[in-house]
Protein backbone atom coordinates (compact mmCIF):
# COMPACT_ATOMS: atom_id res chain seq x y z
CA UNK A 1 0.01 0.13 0.06
CA UNK A 2 1.07 3.50 -0.91
CA UNK A 3 0.68 5.60 2.01
CA UNK A 4 0.73 9.55 2.06
CA UNK A 5 1.19 11.13 5.46
CA UNK A 6 0.37 15.00 5.76
CA UNK A 7 1.93 16.21 9.19
CA UNK A 8 1.89 20.04 9.57
CA UNK A 9 5.16 19.63 11.43
CA UNK A 10 7.64 17.48 11.35
CA UNK A 11 11.17 16.65 12.30
CA UNK A 12 13.26 18.49 13.54
CA UNK A 13 10.26 20.45 14.73
CA UNK A 14 9.63 18.66 18.19
CA UNK A 15 6.27 17.83 19.48
CA UNK A 16 3.76 15.22 20.10
CA UNK A 17 2.44 15.14 16.46
CA UNK A 18 5.95 14.97 14.79
CA UNK A 19 6.83 11.84 17.00
CA UNK A 20 4.04 10.35 16.49
CA UNK A 21 4.15 10.65 12.79
CA UNK A 22 7.63 9.53 12.67
CA UNK A 23 6.98 6.66 14.89
CA UNK A 24 4.15 5.43 12.72
CA UNK A 25 5.52 6.06 9.33
CA UNK A 26 8.72 3.55 10.41
CA UNK A 27 6.23 1.17 11.54
CA UNK A 28 4.24 1.58 8.00
CA UNK A 29 7.40 0.60 6.33
CA UNK A 30 8.46 -2.04 8.49
CA UNK A 31 5.32 -3.35 8.13
CA UNK A 32 6.09 -3.52 3.93
CA UNK A 33 4.42 -0.40 2.78
CA UNK A 34 5.83 2.61 0.83
CA UNK A 35 5.40 5.80 2.57
CA UNK A 36 5.86 9.52 2.19
CA UNK A 37 5.47 12.29 4.54
CA UNK A 38 4.71 15.67 3.45
CA UNK A 39 5.05 18.40 5.98
CA UNK A 40 5.19 22.34 6.16
CA UNK A 41 8.13 22.43 8.25
CA UNK A 42 10.94 23.63 5.53
CA UNK A 43 14.05 23.27 8.30
CA UNK A 44 16.13 19.60 7.97
CA UNK A 45 19.01 18.13 9.51
CA UNK A 46 20.90 15.34 8.33
CA UNK A 47 19.07 12.59 10.34
CA UNK A 48 17.97 9.62 7.69
CA UNK A 49 14.52 8.40 7.55
CA UNK A 50 13.32 5.06 5.68
CA UNK A 51 11.04 7.06 3.85
CA UNK A 52 10.74 10.04 1.82
CA UNK A 53 10.05 13.60 3.57
CA UNK A 54 8.51 16.25 1.04
CA UNK A 55 9.06 19.95 2.82
CA UNK A 56 6.44 22.73 1.75
CA UNK A 57 5.41 20.96 -1.48
CA UNK A 58 4.10 23.81 -4.42
CA UNK A 59 0.40 22.64 -5.49
CA UNK A 60 1.03 20.76 -8.12
CA UNK A 61 3.70 18.95 -6.46
CA UNK A 62 1.19 17.95 -3.63
CA UNK A 63 -1.68 17.11 -6.56
CA UNK A 64 1.11 14.43 -7.79
CA UNK A 65 1.74 12.93 -4.41
CA UNK A 66 -1.95 12.62 -3.68
CA UNK A 67 -2.37 11.04 -7.11
CA UNK A 68 0.82 8.44 -6.07
CA UNK A 69 -1.05 7.43 -2.85
CA UNK A 70 -3.21 4.46 -2.13
CA UNK A 71 -4.70 6.49 0.93
CA UNK A 72 -3.89 9.92 2.28
CA UNK A 73 -3.61 9.94 5.80
CA UNK A 74 -3.40 13.64 7.40
CA UNK A 75 -2.02 13.51 11.01
CA UNK A 76 -4.40 16.11 12.60
CA UNK A 77 -6.67 17.35 9.88
CA UNK A 78 -4.78 20.70 7.63
CA UNK A 79 -6.89 22.33 4.78
CA UNK A 80 -3.54 23.18 3.43
CA UNK A 81 -3.03 20.08 2.41
CA UNK A 82 -6.47 18.30 2.35
CA UNK A 83 -7.54 20.38 -0.57
CA UNK A 84 -5.68 18.11 -3.65
CA UNK A 85 -8.73 15.57 -2.88
CA UNK A 86 -11.38 17.82 -4.54
CA UNK A 87 -9.42 17.13 -7.97
CA UNK A 88 -8.04 13.44 -6.79
CA UNK A 89 -10.54 11.07 -5.41
CA UNK A 90 -8.21 8.89 -2.52
CA UNK A 91 -9.34 7.61 0.70
CA UNK A 92 -9.02 10.00 3.48
CA UNK A 93 -8.02 9.21 7.08
CA UNK A 94 -7.49 11.61 9.80
CA UNK A 95 -6.29 11.41 12.93
CA UNK A 96 -7.41 13.76 15.62
CA UNK A 97 -4.97 14.68 18.28
CA UNK A 98 -6.46 17.87 19.66
CA UNK A 99 -9.48 19.73 19.96
CA UNK A 100 -10.94 21.68 16.89
CA UNK A 101 -12.02 24.98 18.80
CA UNK A 102 -11.68 28.29 17.23
CA UNK A 103 -10.70 31.56 19.21
CA UNK A 104 -11.56 34.13 16.98
CA UNK A 105 -13.76 35.01 13.84
CA UNK A 106 -11.37 33.43 11.54
CA UNK A 107 -10.24 30.39 13.15
CA UNK A 108 -14.09 29.70 13.88
CA UNK A 109 -15.13 29.98 10.19
CA UNK A 110 -12.35 27.66 9.16
CA UNK A 111 -13.06 25.13 12.31
CA UNK A 112 -16.68 25.03 10.92
CA UNK A 113 -15.46 24.19 7.63
CA UNK A 114 -13.12 21.39 9.01
CA UNK A 115 -16.20 19.89 10.87
CA UNK A 116 -18.15 19.76 7.70
CA UNK A 117 -15.35 17.99 5.30
CA UNK A 118 -14.52 15.68 7.93
CA UNK A 119 -17.99 13.66 7.53
CA UNK A 120 -15.91 12.51 3.75
CA UNK A 121 -13.18 11.04 5.59
CA UNK A 122 -12.49 8.19 8.13
CA UNK A 123 -11.59 9.80 11.75
CA UNK A 124 -9.03 8.54 14.45
CA UNK A 125 -9.24 10.32 17.79
CA UNK A 126 -6.38 9.57 20.06
CA UNK A 127 -8.52 9.76 23.07
CA UNK A 128 -12.34 9.55 24.07
CA UNK A 129 -12.10 12.87 25.26
CA UNK A 130 -10.90 14.14 21.80
CA UNK A 131 -13.67 12.14 20.21
CA UNK A 132 -16.93 13.53 21.96
CA UNK A 133 -15.62 16.61 20.59
CA UNK A 134 -16.24 15.93 16.92
CA UNK A 135 -19.20 15.58 15.10
CA UNK A 136 -18.49 12.74 13.30
CA UNK A 137 -17.77 9.24 14.41
CA UNK A 138 -14.27 8.25 15.03
CA UNK A 139 -11.94 5.32 16.10
CA UNK A 140 -10.03 5.39 19.35
CA UNK A 141 -6.17 4.66 18.93
CA UNK A 142 -4.36 5.80 21.60
CA UNK A 143 -0.80 7.48 20.72
CA UNK A 144 2.32 5.27 20.59
CA UNK A 145 5.73 6.39 22.64
CA UNK A 146 9.31 6.43 22.07
CA UNK A 147 10.74 3.22 22.89
CA UNK A 148 13.85 4.96 23.60
CA UNK A 149 12.03 5.80 26.66
CA UNK A 150 12.70 2.80 29.07
CA UNK A 151 13.42 1.73 32.19
CA UNK A 152 17.26 1.60 33.52
CA UNK A 153 17.72 -0.44 36.58
CA UNK A 154 21.42 1.04 36.77
CA UNK A 155 20.22 4.21 37.81
CA UNK A 156 19.84 4.61 41.19
CA UNK A 157 15.75 6.00 41.69
CA UNK A 158 16.39 8.51 44.61
CA UNK A 159 14.43 11.39 44.12
CA UNK A 160 10.71 11.52 44.61
CA UNK A 161 9.01 14.11 42.14
CA UNK A 162 9.47 14.98 38.69
CA UNK A 163 7.53 17.18 36.22
CA UNK A 164 7.80 17.78 32.64
CA UNK A 165 6.79 20.26 30.35
CA UNK A 166 6.49 24.07 29.12
CA UNK A 167 6.31 26.23 31.79
CA UNK A 168 3.25 28.11 31.09
CA UNK A 169 -0.04 28.62 33.46
CA UNK A 170 -2.02 26.16 31.68
CA UNK A 171 0.46 23.28 32.53
CA UNK A 172 -0.37 23.93 36.56
CA UNK A 173 3.17 23.86 38.09
CA UNK A 174 1.90 26.63 40.31
CA UNK A 175 -0.13 24.01 41.56
CA UNK A 176 1.95 21.64 42.14
CA UNK A 177 4.07 24.25 44.25
CA UNK A 178 1.26 25.04 46.28
CA UNK A 179 1.00 21.45 46.92
CA UNK A 180 4.51 20.77 48.22
CA UNK A 181 3.68 23.68 50.34
CA UNK A 182 0.91 21.88 51.76
CA UNK A 183 2.81 19.07 51.88
CA UNK A 184 5.57 20.69 53.74
CA UNK A 185 3.14 21.85 56.77
CA UNK A 186 2.17 18.13 57.53
CA UNK A 187 5.63 17.11 57.62
CA UNK A 188 5.95 15.67 53.92
CA UNK A 189 9.29 17.28 52.24
CA UNK A 190 9.69 15.39 48.88
CA UNK A 191 12.24 16.81 46.48
CA UNK A 192 10.89 18.09 42.98
CA UNK A 193 12.90 18.36 39.71
CA UNK A 194 11.24 20.68 37.38
CA UNK A 195 12.35 19.97 33.40
CA UNK A 196 11.14 23.01 31.12
CA UNK A 197 11.55 26.74 30.04
CA UNK A 198 8.91 29.07 29.55
CA UNK A 199 7.30 32.81 30.66
CA UNK A 200 6.22 31.41 33.84
CA UNK A 201 9.73 30.03 35.11
CA UNK A 202 10.46 33.52 37.37
CA UNK A 203 7.21 33.05 38.76
CA UNK A 204 7.60 30.19 39.64
CA UNK A 205 10.82 30.61 41.17
CA UNK A 206 9.27 33.45 43.20
CA UNK A 207 6.44 31.09 44.42
CA UNK A 208 9.36 28.94 45.60
CA UNK A 209 10.80 31.24 47.35
CA UNK A 210 8.20 33.10 49.49
CA UNK A 211 6.93 29.28 50.36
CA UNK A 212 9.94 28.32 51.50
CA UNK A 213 10.82 25.27 49.18
CA UNK A 214 14.15 26.85 47.54
CA UNK A 215 15.98 23.39 49.26
CA UNK A 216 13.09 21.06 47.91
CA UNK A 217 12.70 22.14 44.36
CA UNK A 218 15.50 22.16 41.59
CA UNK A 219 14.59 24.18 38.16
CA UNK A 220 16.81 22.27 35.55
CA UNK A 221 15.68 23.84 32.43
CA UNK A 222 14.90 22.50 28.96
CA UNK A 223 17.07 19.30 29.04
CA UNK A 224 17.95 16.91 25.93
CA UNK A 225 16.01 13.29 25.17
CA UNK A 226 18.96 11.36 26.43
CA UNK A 227 18.96 13.94 29.52
CA UNK A 228 15.10 13.32 30.00
CA UNK A 229 15.39 9.97 30.07
CA UNK A 230 18.17 9.96 32.78
CA UNK A 231 16.20 12.41 34.91
CA UNK A 232 13.22 10.32 34.94
CA UNK A 233 14.48 7.09 35.84
CA UNK A 234 16.18 8.73 38.88
CA UNK A 235 12.57 9.69 39.86
CA UNK A 236 9.76 7.55 41.45
CA UNK A 237 6.96 9.79 40.98
CA UNK A 238 5.76 11.79 37.62
CA UNK A 239 3.66 14.78 38.04
CA UNK A 240 1.21 16.19 35.23
CA UNK A 241 -0.65 18.84 37.40
CA UNK A 242 -2.54 20.39 33.89
CA UNK A 243 -5.21 22.96 33.99
CA UNK A 244 -5.88 22.38 30.36
CA UNK A 245 -7.67 19.41 29.26
CA UNK A 246 -4.72 17.35 27.75
CA UNK A 247 -6.01 15.64 24.49
CA UNK A 248 -4.04 12.47 25.72
CA UNK A 249 -0.66 13.01 27.79
CA UNK A 250 2.52 11.35 25.90
CA UNK A 251 5.00 12.34 28.66
CA UNK A 252 2.74 10.14 31.27
CA UNK A 253 3.48 7.27 28.99
CA UNK A 254 7.08 8.23 29.02
CA UNK A 255 7.31 8.84 32.81
CA UNK A 256 5.59 5.20 32.94
CA UNK A 257 8.32 3.40 30.57
CA UNK A 258 11.22 5.13 32.97
CA UNK A 259 9.74 3.27 35.74
CA UNK A 260 7.94 6.24 37.18
CA UNK A 261 4.19 6.45 38.55
CA UNK A 262 2.04 9.29 37.56
CA UNK A 263 -0.39 11.71 39.59
CA UNK A 264 -2.00 13.46 36.93
CA UNK A 265 -5.37 15.90 36.77
CA UNK A 266 -8.53 14.62 35.47
CA UNK A 267 -9.35 16.77 32.74
CA UNK A 268 -9.40 15.41 28.68
CA UNK A 269 -7.31 12.48 28.00
CA UNK A 270 -4.81 12.45 30.50
CA UNK A 271 -6.42 9.63 32.65
CA UNK A 272 -6.27 7.64 29.54
CA UNK A 273 -2.52 7.95 29.01
CA UNK A 274 -2.05 7.16 33.06
CA UNK A 275 -4.19 3.99 32.73
CA UNK A 276 -3.54 2.16 36.10
CA UNK A 277 -0.41 3.18 36.44
CA UNK A 278 -1.13 6.27 38.75
CA UNK A 279 -3.71 8.10 40.24
CA UNK A 280 -5.48 11.58 38.99
CA UNK A 281 -6.88 14.27 41.18
CA UNK A 282 -9.55 17.07 40.45
CA UNK A 283 -7.78 19.28 37.80
CA UNK A 284 -7.32 23.19 39.30
CA UNK A 285 -7.30 21.25 43.02
CA UNK A 286 -3.81 22.00 45.03
CA UNK A 287 -5.50 20.53 48.10
CA UNK A 288 -6.26 17.49 45.95
CA UNK A 289 -2.94 16.78 44.29
CA UNK A 290 -1.34 17.23 47.60
CA UNK A 291 -3.63 14.54 49.08
CA UNK A 292 -2.96 12.20 46.04
CA UNK A 293 1.13 12.80 46.42
CA UNK A 294 0.73 12.03 50.22
CA UNK A 295 -0.66 8.32 49.29
CA UNK A 296 2.08 7.79 46.37
CA UNK A 297 4.93 9.18 49.42
CA UNK A 298 3.93 7.03 52.07
CA UNK A 299 2.64 3.89 50.63
CA UNK A 300 4.97 1.41 48.89
CA UNK A 301 2.57 -1.54 48.76
CA UNK A 302 0.04 0.90 46.05
CA UNK A 303 3.18 2.33 44.23
CA UNK A 304 4.52 -1.28 43.60
CA UNK A 305 0.88 -2.35 42.45
CA UNK A 306 1.04 0.74 40.42
CA UNK A 307 4.24 -0.11 38.70
CA UNK A 308 3.56 -3.88 38.10
CA UNK A 309 0.56 -2.78 35.87
CA UNK A 310 2.91 -1.12 33.26
CA UNK A 311 3.86 -3.44 31.03
CA UNK A 312 0.27 -4.18 30.02
CA UNK A 313 -0.70 -0.76 29.79
CA UNK A 314 2.64 0.25 27.70
CA UNK A 315 1.41 -3.10 25.36
CA UNK A 316 -1.11 -1.03 24.04
CA UNK A 317 1.06 1.80 23.20
CA UNK A 318 4.25 0.52 21.79
CA UNK A 319 4.77 1.97 18.47
CA UNK A 320 4.13 -1.72 16.40
CA UNK A 321 0.69 -2.04 18.35
CA UNK A 322 -0.37 1.55 17.45
CA UNK A 323 0.75 1.16 14.09
CA UNK A 324 -1.36 -2.35 13.31
CA UNK A 325 -4.51 -0.18 14.59
CA UNK A 326 -3.89 2.35 12.14
CA UNK A 327 -3.33 0.12 9.45
CA UNK A 328 -6.82 -1.85 9.68
CA UNK A 329 -8.25 1.81 9.51
CA UNK A 330 -6.17 2.64 6.43
CA UNK A 331 -6.74 -0.93 4.57
CA UNK A 332 -10.65 -0.78 5.73
CA UNK A 333 -10.69 2.71 3.57
CA UNK A 334 -8.89 1.77 0.63
């Protein structure tokens, strides 16, 4: 089968959709299919892929690519590359990685158009939460994770809490610091490593100082993937305190794969990513987060049970397993 994948962003751009596109494309090739990836990310580096990457193609080239394929798979809908289907009839599959929700007049008009044209596509959602916001039926297939994230028993797991992500208000890191302040007042003083940068860095540093938590919290900055893996190996609990309804939560899978249990907010698709490998709390509730952390910090039997659930949970999200689910949809559409 000739599969054309449209991914608006792609390597060397870094993000969840870029990672999923790379993992699925490689698995499709390993399964014997011919794959081309079209992207609007113009910059490139020296990494070589087992599939062709076409960057920012001109209109005639894009039409030619759609004519070449047996199925046209958009990893997140993009009208910018969907229009050739008006001229060339091909099965159209769209995987939805986030919400279709405009915030201004122009984007609301564009998103209404997206909802309309999706009735002509076969749709996949990465979580039940995302599926519930679509106006069309979709098949639910959770995201894969990069299997470079794996537990390493040679690294001493001697720190308690880690939080990974861009430091913006939606990610709720201030709630985590407040929860640590509450735990401190009850006699629990876990150490926290915060990986990431962003506009909230200085306000979070000030909050840490005002709460008297300087000795417990380390701001590690944005680290490389290799450094992140080592960081996760050294910690027992990953905290994902998002205020925003995460569509899924690949970072939770990465933490679980590295041996962490997860404490995460209960909005959106994040609980599906955590599965039976952690505990959730009502989003935007620092007191509830403090209670969840207290349980995980003091109940070794609970943590051991959650860790034992990891293999079964991760098996459903390994790239080859997720790719098989996608290929079933692509084959059926063809």
